[in-house]
Protein backbone atom coordinates (compact mmCIF):
# COMPACT_ATOMS: atom_id res chain seq x y z
CA MET A 1 5.57 31.07 -15.81
CA ASN A 2 8.73 32.22 -13.36
CA ARG A 3 10.71 29.31 -11.75
CA ARG A 4 9.35 29.70 -8.43
CA SER A 5 5.94 28.99 -9.91
CA LEU A 6 6.89 26.45 -11.70
CA LEU A 7 8.72 24.69 -8.82
CA LEU A 8 5.29 25.16 -6.82
CA PHE A 9 3.36 23.70 -9.53
CA PHE A 10 5.44 20.42 -9.92
CA GLY A 11 5.51 20.05 -5.92
CA LEU A 12 1.66 20.16 -5.83
CA THR A 13 1.56 17.74 -8.69
CA ALA A 14 3.76 15.45 -6.82
CA ILE A 15 1.97 15.37 -3.71
CA ALA A 16 -1.28 14.86 -5.54
CA GLY A 17 -0.10 12.11 -7.22
CA ALA A 18 1.47 10.43 -4.18
CA ALA A 19 -2.02 10.78 -2.61
CA PHE A 20 -3.19 8.21 -5.48
CA ALA A 21 0.15 6.08 -5.89
CA GLY A 22 2.42 4.35 -3.67
CA ASP A 23 4.82 1.37 -3.72
CA LEU A 24 4.20 -2.29 -2.98
CA PRO A 25 6.24 -4.97 -1.51
CA ASP A 26 8.18 -7.10 -4.01
CA ALA A 27 6.01 -9.77 -4.06
CA TRP A 28 3.16 -7.65 -5.41
CA ARG A 29 4.84 -5.03 -7.93
CA ALA A 30 3.11 -7.05 -10.56
CA TRP A 31 -0.20 -5.32 -9.65
CA ARG A 32 -0.78 -1.99 -11.16
CA PHE A 33 -3.32 -0.57 -8.92
CA SER A 34 -4.54 -0.75 -5.39
CA ARG A 35 -7.08 0.96 -2.92
CA THR A 36 -7.00 1.56 0.86
CA ILE A 37 -10.05 -0.17 2.85
CA SER A 38 -8.94 1.57 6.31
CA SER A 39 -6.31 2.57 8.34
CA GLU A 40 -8.06 1.17 11.42
CA ALA A 41 -10.10 -1.39 10.52
CA PRO A 42 -13.09 -2.11 12.72
CA SER A 43 -13.52 -5.54 14.57
CA GLY A 44 -15.88 -8.14 12.98
CA LEU A 45 -16.75 -8.86 9.48
CA ILE A 46 -15.74 -6.41 7.04
CA GLU A 47 -17.79 -5.75 3.90
CA VAL A 48 -16.48 -3.77 1.09
CA GLU A 49 -18.37 -2.92 -2.08
CA LEU A 50 -15.82 -3.10 -5.37
CA PRO A 51 -16.22 0.08 -7.17
CA ARG A 52 -17.20 0.07 -10.90
CA ASP A 53 -13.73 1.53 -12.10
CA LEU A 54 -12.03 -1.34 -10.05
CA LEU A 55 -13.70 -3.99 -12.18
CA ALA A 56 -13.08 -1.83 -15.14
CA HIS A 57 -9.15 -2.04 -14.31
CA SER A 58 -9.10 -5.46 -13.48
CA ALA A 59 -7.06 -7.49 -15.77
CA ASN A 60 -8.82 -10.70 -15.90
CA HIS A 61 -12.79 -10.31 -14.27
CA LEU A 62 -11.44 -9.93 -10.67
CA ALA A 63 -9.08 -12.98 -10.81
CA ASP A 64 -6.43 -10.72 -10.03
CA LEU A 65 -7.73 -9.11 -7.07
CA ARG A 66 -5.95 -9.74 -3.84
CA LEU A 67 -6.33 -8.39 -0.44
CA ILE A 68 -3.05 -7.39 1.96
CA ASP A 69 -2.40 -6.13 4.87
CA ASP A 70 0.35 -3.24 6.32
CA HIS A 71 3.13 -5.89 6.10
CA GLY A 72 2.55 -7.17 2.73
CA LYS A 73 0.73 -10.42 3.86
CA GLU A 74 -2.05 -11.74 1.84
CA VAL A 75 -5.21 -11.82 3.42
CA PRO A 76 -8.03 -14.28 2.55
CA TYR A 77 -11.54 -13.23 1.48
CA VAL A 78 -14.69 -14.32 0.14
CA LEU A 79 -16.17 -12.59 -2.95
CA TYR A 80 -19.68 -12.07 -2.60
CA THR A 81 -22.38 -10.91 -5.20
CA ASP A 82 -25.64 -10.14 -4.22
CA ARG A 83 -27.90 -11.47 -6.82
CA GLY A 84 -31.00 -11.60 -4.71
CA GLY A 85 -33.00 -15.02 -3.65
CA ASP A 86 -33.68 -16.84 -7.17
CA PRO A 87 -37.65 -17.37 -7.23
CA ILE A 88 -38.57 -20.82 -6.22
CA ILE A 89 -40.70 -22.10 -9.03
CA ARG A 90 -42.98 -25.07 -8.66
CA SER A 91 -45.12 -26.63 -11.20
CA SER A 92 -48.02 -28.45 -11.97
CA THR A 93 -49.59 -30.34 -15.05
CA ALA A 94 -52.70 -28.65 -16.35
CA LYS A 95 -55.29 -31.12 -18.00
CA MET A 96 -56.76 -29.16 -21.18
CA ARG A 97 -60.89 -29.51 -20.54
CA GLU A 98 -61.78 -27.10 -23.71
CA ASN A 99 -59.92 -25.79 -26.79
CA SER A 100 -62.59 -23.84 -28.89
CA PHE A 101 -62.72 -20.91 -30.96
CA VAL A 102 -65.30 -18.19 -31.08
CA PRO A 103 -65.19 -16.54 -34.83
CA GLY A 104 -64.45 -13.13 -34.86
CA GLN A 105 -63.41 -12.78 -31.08
CA PHE A 106 -61.28 -15.27 -29.47
CA THR A 107 -59.65 -18.85 -28.68
CA GLN A 108 -60.84 -20.04 -25.50
CA VAL A 109 -58.90 -22.63 -23.50
CA VAL A 110 -59.99 -23.96 -20.07
CA LEU A 111 -57.28 -26.00 -17.89
CA GLU A 112 -57.71 -27.88 -15.06
CA VAL A 113 -55.25 -28.07 -12.30
CA GLN A 114 -54.07 -31.40 -11.34
CA THR A 115 -52.47 -30.68 -8.08
CA ASP A 116 -54.95 -30.33 -5.23
CA ALA A 117 -55.01 -27.01 -3.11
CA LEU A 118 -52.12 -25.50 -5.07
CA PHE A 119 -51.57 -21.85 -4.93
CA HIS A 120 -50.58 -20.90 -8.45
CA ASN A 121 -49.79 -17.38 -10.18
CA THR A 122 -48.32 -18.09 -13.55
CA VAL A 123 -49.37 -19.97 -16.75
CA ARG A 124 -46.90 -21.12 -19.53
CA ILE A 125 -48.50 -21.78 -22.87
CA ASP A 126 -47.15 -24.14 -25.67
CA THR A 127 -47.95 -23.59 -29.12
CA PRO A 128 -46.34 -24.15 -32.44
CA GLU A 129 -47.06 -20.89 -33.65
CA SER A 130 -44.04 -19.24 -35.03
CA ASP A 131 -44.55 -15.55 -35.29
CA PHE A 132 -47.49 -13.63 -33.17
CA ILE A 133 -48.23 -11.09 -30.53
CA ASN A 134 -51.52 -11.65 -29.01
CA TRP A 135 -53.48 -10.41 -25.95
CA VAL A 136 -54.67 -13.03 -23.25
CA GLU A 137 -57.46 -12.65 -20.56
CA VAL A 138 -56.88 -15.28 -17.73
CA ALA A 139 -59.60 -16.17 -15.52
CA ALA A 140 -60.11 -18.46 -12.49
CA SER A 141 -62.84 -20.74 -11.21
CA ASP A 142 -63.30 -23.24 -8.49
CA ASP A 143 -66.13 -25.12 -10.42
CA ALA A 144 -65.57 -23.80 -14.26
CA HIS A 145 -68.89 -22.26 -14.24
CA LEU A 146 -68.48 -18.90 -11.96
CA TRP A 147 -65.40 -17.19 -13.34
CA ARG A 148 -63.48 -14.27 -12.03
CA ILE A 149 -60.69 -12.18 -13.97
CA VAL A 150 -57.34 -12.32 -12.52
CA LYS A 151 -55.56 -10.93 -15.29
CA ALA A 152 -57.42 -8.80 -17.74
CA ARG A 153 -54.89 -8.31 -20.25
CA ALA A 154 -51.37 -9.65 -20.96
CA PRO A 155 -49.37 -10.05 -24.08
CA ILE A 156 -47.78 -13.28 -25.24
CA SER A 157 -45.47 -13.18 -28.41
CA ARG A 158 -42.73 -15.26 -30.48
CA PHE A 159 -40.78 -13.76 -33.18
CA ARG A 160 -38.64 -16.70 -34.69
CA LYS A 161 -38.07 -15.05 -38.26
CA GLU A 162 -36.10 -12.82 -35.95
CA ASN A 163 -34.54 -15.34 -33.92
CA LEU A 164 -36.51 -14.41 -30.95
CA GLU A 165 -38.38 -16.48 -28.74
CA GLY A 166 -40.52 -13.84 -27.39
CA SER A 167 -42.59 -14.68 -24.22
CA GLN A 168 -45.43 -17.10 -23.57
CA THR A 169 -45.61 -16.78 -20.27
CA ILE A 170 -48.39 -14.70 -18.21
CA HIS A 171 -48.50 -13.57 -14.46
CA TYR A 172 -51.63 -13.19 -12.61
CA SER A 173 -52.94 -12.79 -9.12
CA GLU A 174 -51.98 -15.71 -6.83
CA ASN A 175 -55.12 -18.03 -6.19
CA SER A 176 -56.06 -21.70 -5.57
CA ALA A 177 -58.75 -22.11 -8.26
CA ARG A 178 -58.95 -25.42 -9.88
CA PHE A 179 -59.78 -23.94 -13.17
CA LEU A 180 -58.08 -21.27 -15.61
CA ARG A 181 -59.76 -19.81 -18.55
CA LEU A 182 -57.66 -18.31 -21.05
CA ARG A 183 -58.95 -16.38 -24.03
CA ILE A 184 -56.48 -15.22 -26.76
CA PHE A 185 -57.79 -12.61 -28.63
CA GLU A 186 -56.95 -13.15 -32.25
CA SER A 187 -60.26 -12.63 -34.24
CA ALA A 188 -59.46 -14.30 -37.61
CA ARG A 189 -58.74 -17.85 -36.88
CA GLN A 190 -58.16 -20.22 -34.04
CA PHE A 191 -54.88 -19.68 -32.36
CA PRO A 192 -53.28 -23.14 -31.74
CA VAL A 193 -52.60 -24.15 -28.23
CA THR A 194 -51.26 -27.55 -27.58
CA GLY A 195 -50.89 -27.72 -23.96
CA ALA A 196 -49.90 -25.42 -20.93
CA ALA A 197 -48.09 -25.75 -17.52
CA ILE A 198 -49.45 -24.14 -14.31
CA LEU A 199 -46.52 -22.44 -12.31
CA THR A 200 -46.05 -20.87 -8.92
CA TYR A 201 -43.40 -18.29 -8.44
CA ASP A 202 -42.32 -17.64 -5.10
CA THR A 203 -39.91 -14.83 -4.93
CA ARG A 204 -37.24 -14.54 -2.06
CA GLU A 205 -35.43 -11.65 -0.57
CA PRO A 206 -34.61 -8.89 -3.34
CA ALA A 207 -31.13 -8.15 -4.27
CA ARG A 208 -29.47 -4.71 -3.55
CA ALA A 209 -29.83 -1.89 -6.29
CA LEU A 210 -28.10 -2.52 -9.41
CA VAL A 211 -25.19 -0.54 -10.28
CA PRO A 212 -25.38 2.02 -13.24
CA VAL A 213 -22.80 1.29 -15.94
CA PRO A 214 -21.95 4.22 -17.77
CA ALA A 215 -22.59 4.12 -21.52
CA SER A 216 -23.24 6.52 -24.11
CA PHE A 217 -25.80 5.22 -26.86
CA LEU A 218 -25.57 6.84 -30.13
CA LEU A 219 -28.33 6.29 -32.62
CA ASP A 220 -27.89 4.69 -35.88
CA THR A 221 -29.50 6.47 -38.77
CA SER A 222 -28.66 4.30 -41.65
CA VAL A 223 -30.71 1.21 -40.65
CA PRO A 224 -34.44 0.58 -41.97
CA PRO A 225 -37.19 2.20 -40.33
CA ASP A 226 -38.43 -1.05 -39.12
CA VAL A 227 -35.48 -1.30 -36.86
CA THR A 228 -34.27 1.01 -33.99
CA GLN A 229 -30.70 0.51 -33.52
CA TRP A 230 -28.18 2.18 -30.86
CA SER A 231 -24.50 1.32 -30.37
CA ALA A 232 -21.98 2.00 -27.36
CA ASP A 233 -18.23 1.51 -26.53
CA LEU A 234 -17.73 0.93 -22.92
CA SER A 235 -14.01 1.37 -23.24
CA THR A 236 -13.49 -1.75 -21.42
CA ASP A 237 -14.61 -5.45 -21.48
CA GLN A 238 -14.53 -5.97 -17.80
CA LEU A 239 -18.09 -4.98 -16.55
CA PRO A 240 -20.48 -7.89 -15.98
CA VAL A 241 -23.60 -6.22 -17.44
CA THR A 242 -26.84 -7.87 -16.32
CA GLU A 243 -29.62 -5.22 -17.55
CA ILE A 244 -30.62 -2.83 -19.95
CA VAL A 245 -33.37 -0.50 -18.95
CA PHE A 246 -35.51 1.51 -21.69
CA ASN A 247 -37.15 4.96 -20.97
CA THR A 248 -39.60 6.40 -23.51
CA THR A 249 -42.57 8.71 -23.97
CA GLN A 250 -44.60 6.38 -26.00
CA PRO A 251 -47.99 6.17 -24.28
CA GLU A 252 -48.78 2.46 -25.35
CA PHE A 253 -46.66 -0.25 -27.21
CA TYR A 254 -45.25 -3.56 -27.40
CA ARG A 255 -41.75 -4.24 -29.00
CA ALA A 256 -39.11 -6.84 -29.39
CA VAL A 257 -35.48 -6.40 -28.52
CA ARG A 258 -32.18 -7.66 -29.47
CA ILE A 259 -29.17 -7.35 -27.52
CA LEU A 260 -25.83 -7.88 -29.16
CA THR A 261 -22.23 -7.57 -28.13
CA SER A 262 -18.84 -7.28 -29.60
CA ALA A 263 -15.06 -7.41 -28.83
CA ASN A 264 -13.72 -5.78 -31.61
CA ASP A 265 -16.95 -3.75 -33.38
CA LYS A 266 -16.50 -6.17 -36.30
CA GLU A 267 -18.10 -9.64 -35.26
CA TRP A 268 -21.42 -9.29 -33.38
CA ARG A 269 -23.26 -12.03 -31.15
CA THR A 270 -26.67 -12.02 -29.93
CA ILE A 271 -26.53 -12.22 -25.78
CA CYS A 272 -30.38 -12.21 -25.37
CA GLY A 273 -33.60 -11.14 -26.63
CA GLY A 274 -36.98 -9.69 -24.79
CA GLU A 275 -39.81 -7.55 -24.94
CA ILE A 276 -40.84 -4.20 -23.76
CA PHE A 277 -44.17 -2.90 -23.41
CA ARG A 278 -46.77 -0.46 -21.74
CA TYR A 279 -50.26 -0.44 -22.11
CA LYS A 280 -53.33 0.37 -19.92
CA VAL A 281 -55.96 -1.73 -18.45
CA GLY A 282 -58.92 0.64 -16.80
CA GLU A 283 -56.76 3.02 -14.87
CA LYS A 284 -53.94 0.61 -14.14
CA LEU A 285 -50.72 0.95 -15.99
CA GLU A 286 -48.92 -2.42 -16.92
CA GLU A 287 -45.13 -2.10 -18.38
CA SER A 288 -42.19 -3.93 -18.50
CA LEU A 289 -38.96 -1.54 -19.81
CA ARG A 290 -36.48 -3.89 -18.36
CA VAL A 291 -34.36 -6.32 -20.26
CA GLY A 292 -32.43 -8.78 -18.01
CA PHE A 293 -29.76 -11.37 -18.99
CA PRO A 294 -27.06 -13.53 -17.49
CA GLU A 295 -24.11 -11.36 -16.60
CA ASN A 296 -22.25 -10.64 -20.03
CA TRP A 297 -18.37 -10.35 -19.45
CA GLY A 298 -16.11 -9.67 -22.36
CA GLY A 299 -18.47 -7.12 -24.37
CA ARG A 300 -16.91 -3.92 -24.80
CA TYR A 301 -19.10 -2.69 -27.61
CA TRP A 302 -22.93 -3.00 -27.38
CA ARG A 303 -25.70 -2.98 -29.86
CA VAL A 304 -29.31 -2.51 -29.12
CA GLU A 305 -32.26 -3.00 -31.44
CA ILE A 306 -36.11 -2.50 -31.11
CA LEU A 307 -37.81 -4.31 -33.63
CA ASN A 308 -40.86 -1.88 -34.87
CA GLY A 309 -42.31 -3.79 -37.56
CA ASN A 310 -44.64 -1.39 -39.49
CA ASP A 311 -45.08 0.75 -36.58
CA ALA A 312 -43.22 4.21 -36.30
CA PRO A 313 -40.13 3.95 -33.87
CA LEU A 314 -40.78 4.74 -30.07
CA THR A 315 -40.71 8.39 -29.25
CA ASP A 316 -37.65 10.10 -26.97
CA THR A 317 -36.36 6.88 -26.42
CA THR A 318 -33.11 6.41 -23.99
CA LEU A 319 -30.89 3.29 -22.75
CA SER A 320 -29.13 2.54 -19.82
CA LEU A 321 -27.20 -0.65 -18.57
CA SER A 322 -26.91 -1.91 -15.13
CA MET A 323 -24.80 -4.75 -13.11
CA ILE A 324 -24.82 -6.49 -9.96
CA PRO A 325 -22.65 -5.06 -7.31
CA ARG A 326 -19.89 -7.17 -5.85
CA PHE A 327 -18.35 -7.10 -2.65
CA VAL A 328 -15.51 -8.35 -0.69
CA LEU A 329 -15.86 -10.17 2.79
CA PHE A 330 -12.96 -10.45 5.15
CA GLN A 331 -12.25 -10.81 9.09
CA PRO A 332 -9.59 -8.27 9.70
CA ALA A 333 -7.13 -8.62 12.62
CA GLU A 334 -6.84 -5.57 15.37
CA GLY A 335 -4.27 -2.96 14.71
CA HIS A 336 -3.82 -3.38 10.81
CA SER A 337 -4.70 -1.75 7.82
CA TYR A 338 -5.78 -3.26 4.43
CA ARG A 339 -5.44 -2.70 0.76
CA MET A 340 -6.82 -4.15 -2.42
CA ILE A 341 -4.60 -4.78 -5.36
CA TYR A 342 -5.43 -5.58 -8.84
CA GLY A 343 -4.42 -5.29 -12.51
CA ASN A 344 -2.07 -8.13 -13.00
CA ALA A 345 -3.17 -9.95 -16.40
CA ALA A 346 -0.81 -13.06 -15.38
CA ALA A 347 -2.53 -13.90 -12.01
CA ILE A 348 -5.20 -16.43 -11.39
CA SER A 349 -7.87 -16.63 -9.16
CA PRO A 350 -6.84 -17.26 -5.57
CA GLN A 351 -8.24 -20.37 -3.57
CA TYR A 352 -8.96 -19.74 -0.16
CA ASP A 353 -10.19 -22.08 2.80
CA LEU A 354 -12.26 -19.15 3.82
CA ALA A 355 -14.50 -19.57 0.79
CA ARG A 356 -15.36 -23.21 1.74
CA ILE A 357 -16.06 -22.76 5.43
CA PHE A 358 -17.44 -19.13 5.58
CA HIS A 359 -21.31 -19.63 5.57
CA PHE A 360 -23.79 -16.93 6.27
CA GLN A 361 -27.93 -17.19 5.91
CA GLY A 362 -29.11 -14.33 3.36
CA LYS A 363 -27.28 -11.44 3.13
CA PRO A 364 -23.92 -10.94 5.37
CA SER A 365 -24.17 -8.55 8.25
CA GLY A 366 -20.78 -7.24 8.26
CA SER A 367 -19.50 -3.53 8.94
CA ILE A 368 -19.85 -1.50 5.78
CA VAL A 369 -16.14 -0.07 4.55
CA LEU A 370 -15.71 2.21 1.52
CA ALA A 371 -12.60 1.58 -0.68
CA GLY A 372 -10.31 4.66 -0.82
CA PRO A 373 -9.36 6.19 -4.25
CA GLU A 374 -7.49 4.17 -6.74
CA GLY A 375 -3.69 4.49 -6.74
CA SER A 376 -1.08 3.30 -9.28
CA THR A 377 1.95 1.43 -8.30
CA PHE A 378 5.05 3.44 -8.22
CA ASN A 379 7.40 0.55 -8.44
CA TYR A 380 5.29 -1.44 -10.92
CA ALA A 381 7.17 -4.19 -12.09
CA ASP A 382 5.53 -5.54 -15.64
CA PRO A 383 4.97 -9.47 -15.17
CA ARG A 384 4.93 -10.09 -18.88
CA PRO A 385 7.96 -11.33 -20.89
CA TYR A 386 10.59 -8.76 -22.30
CA THR A 387 9.40 -9.48 -25.70
CA GLU A 388 5.60 -8.85 -25.21
CA ARG A 389 6.48 -5.47 -23.20
CA HIS A 390 8.55 -4.52 -26.10
CA PRO A 391 7.08 -5.91 -29.12
CA ASN A 392 8.55 -3.19 -31.31
CA ILE A 393 11.98 -4.94 -30.70
CA LEU A 394 10.85 -8.16 -31.87
CA TRP A 395 9.77 -6.75 -35.27
CA SER A 396 13.02 -4.80 -35.63
CA ALA A 397 15.04 -8.06 -35.04
CA LEU A 398 12.82 -9.68 -37.70
CA GLY A 399 13.39 -6.60 -40.10
CA VAL A 400 17.42 -6.99 -39.77
CA ALA A 401 16.78 -10.79 -40.02
CA VAL A 402 15.02 -10.08 -43.39
CA ILE A 403 17.59 -7.53 -44.63
CA LEU A 404 20.81 -9.90 -43.96
CA LEU A 405 18.69 -12.87 -45.63
CA ALA A 406 18.26 -10.59 -48.74
CA TYR A 407 21.56 -9.34 -48.74
CA ALA A 408 22.97 -12.95 -48.27
CA ALA A 409 20.74 -14.20 -51.35
CA PHE A 410 21.87 -11.20 -53.20
CA ARG A 411 25.71 -12.16 -52.78
CA ALA A 412 24.92 -15.71 -53.59
CA LEU A 413 23.34 -14.79 -56.90
CA ARG A 414 26.58 -12.54 -57.67
CA THR A 415 28.99 -14.88 -56.85
CA PRO A 416 28.71 -17.39 -59.86
CA ALA A 417 28.43 -14.33 -62.33
CA GLU A 418 31.99 -13.12 -61.25
CA GLN A 419 33.38 -16.68 -61.23
CA GLN A 420 32.33 -16.76 -64.94
CA GLN A 421 34.29 -13.63 -65.83
């Protein structure tokens, strides 16, 4: 490569680098990364979805996120997480009118709703049984004589030997019937039911679509066949994962799932358990392939286990992770441009009046603006103490001190011997 080509190459590299990097005002040089929002921000409320790699490069779970204008002035913002509307759950006590067993067929439980004119769609069974998977049929009646099936087949389970609680909750078609009949299909003996609660789930406005989290799950072939285990390294512990989705070609199944995380790939903790299933009721397919859990921060390493029992592993199974999207909301001033800065481990969460006085019903309705590409701070000033930024110096000084102490000890030992001569 000749000199002219080299100069052209380095020139283009510098131009490309300048497009994704820049200086920050002195007050903000401790922030490693930045993203422009808009050179001409529109009027009214602005809504910016935070890119996934912004969260990954945040130093402390977005506590370091700041918004500044083109004069370097800090701009208040509200961090909004679209979780959707939490379901409203109303409950009613249920009086057990019958608890019987038909040998070779099922346990039958008849419940009476104790609240008049209550629309309900869920029943939760109380049982002391520790390890089981059973199918349940739910029927409703206004007089406990004429029954209509509101859920033809649904699973209940518990796996306490695996430290998993399973699920003893069944959802069915909403109705206002006074009586519910449960048939639990365990033919060998009566299934113990000590009580039940009748619930009403009212779902609210759904959340926006979850954001996929890149993860390459590797199958572990060294574990016993009663467990299928995958592991993944997300390369960061700054992504608030909240759901794992399974995909498989297996036509029918019901399996327990355990999800674990680790900060160092050595010490693991279980963050949740769940169940996945697929089965047919007539021509209708019932399936649940998602396991959700409270947002998990701090898990760089992930391990997912499917408990197979005596069944063969599921066929052609793949996994994916997702997280809830996050947004920055702020009120721009006319004629100003803005940028988000982040990547400062020493920063703490800001406190703005805006977060206390800003209210909206449902989802915010601001103008949606996309964040620009990530840029590195040219004039970055590492806020850490000098010894943390240069740990080798501390170790070198310690090594020198050890050598000097050893030399002094050696000299002290030789001195008496020389005096005796």
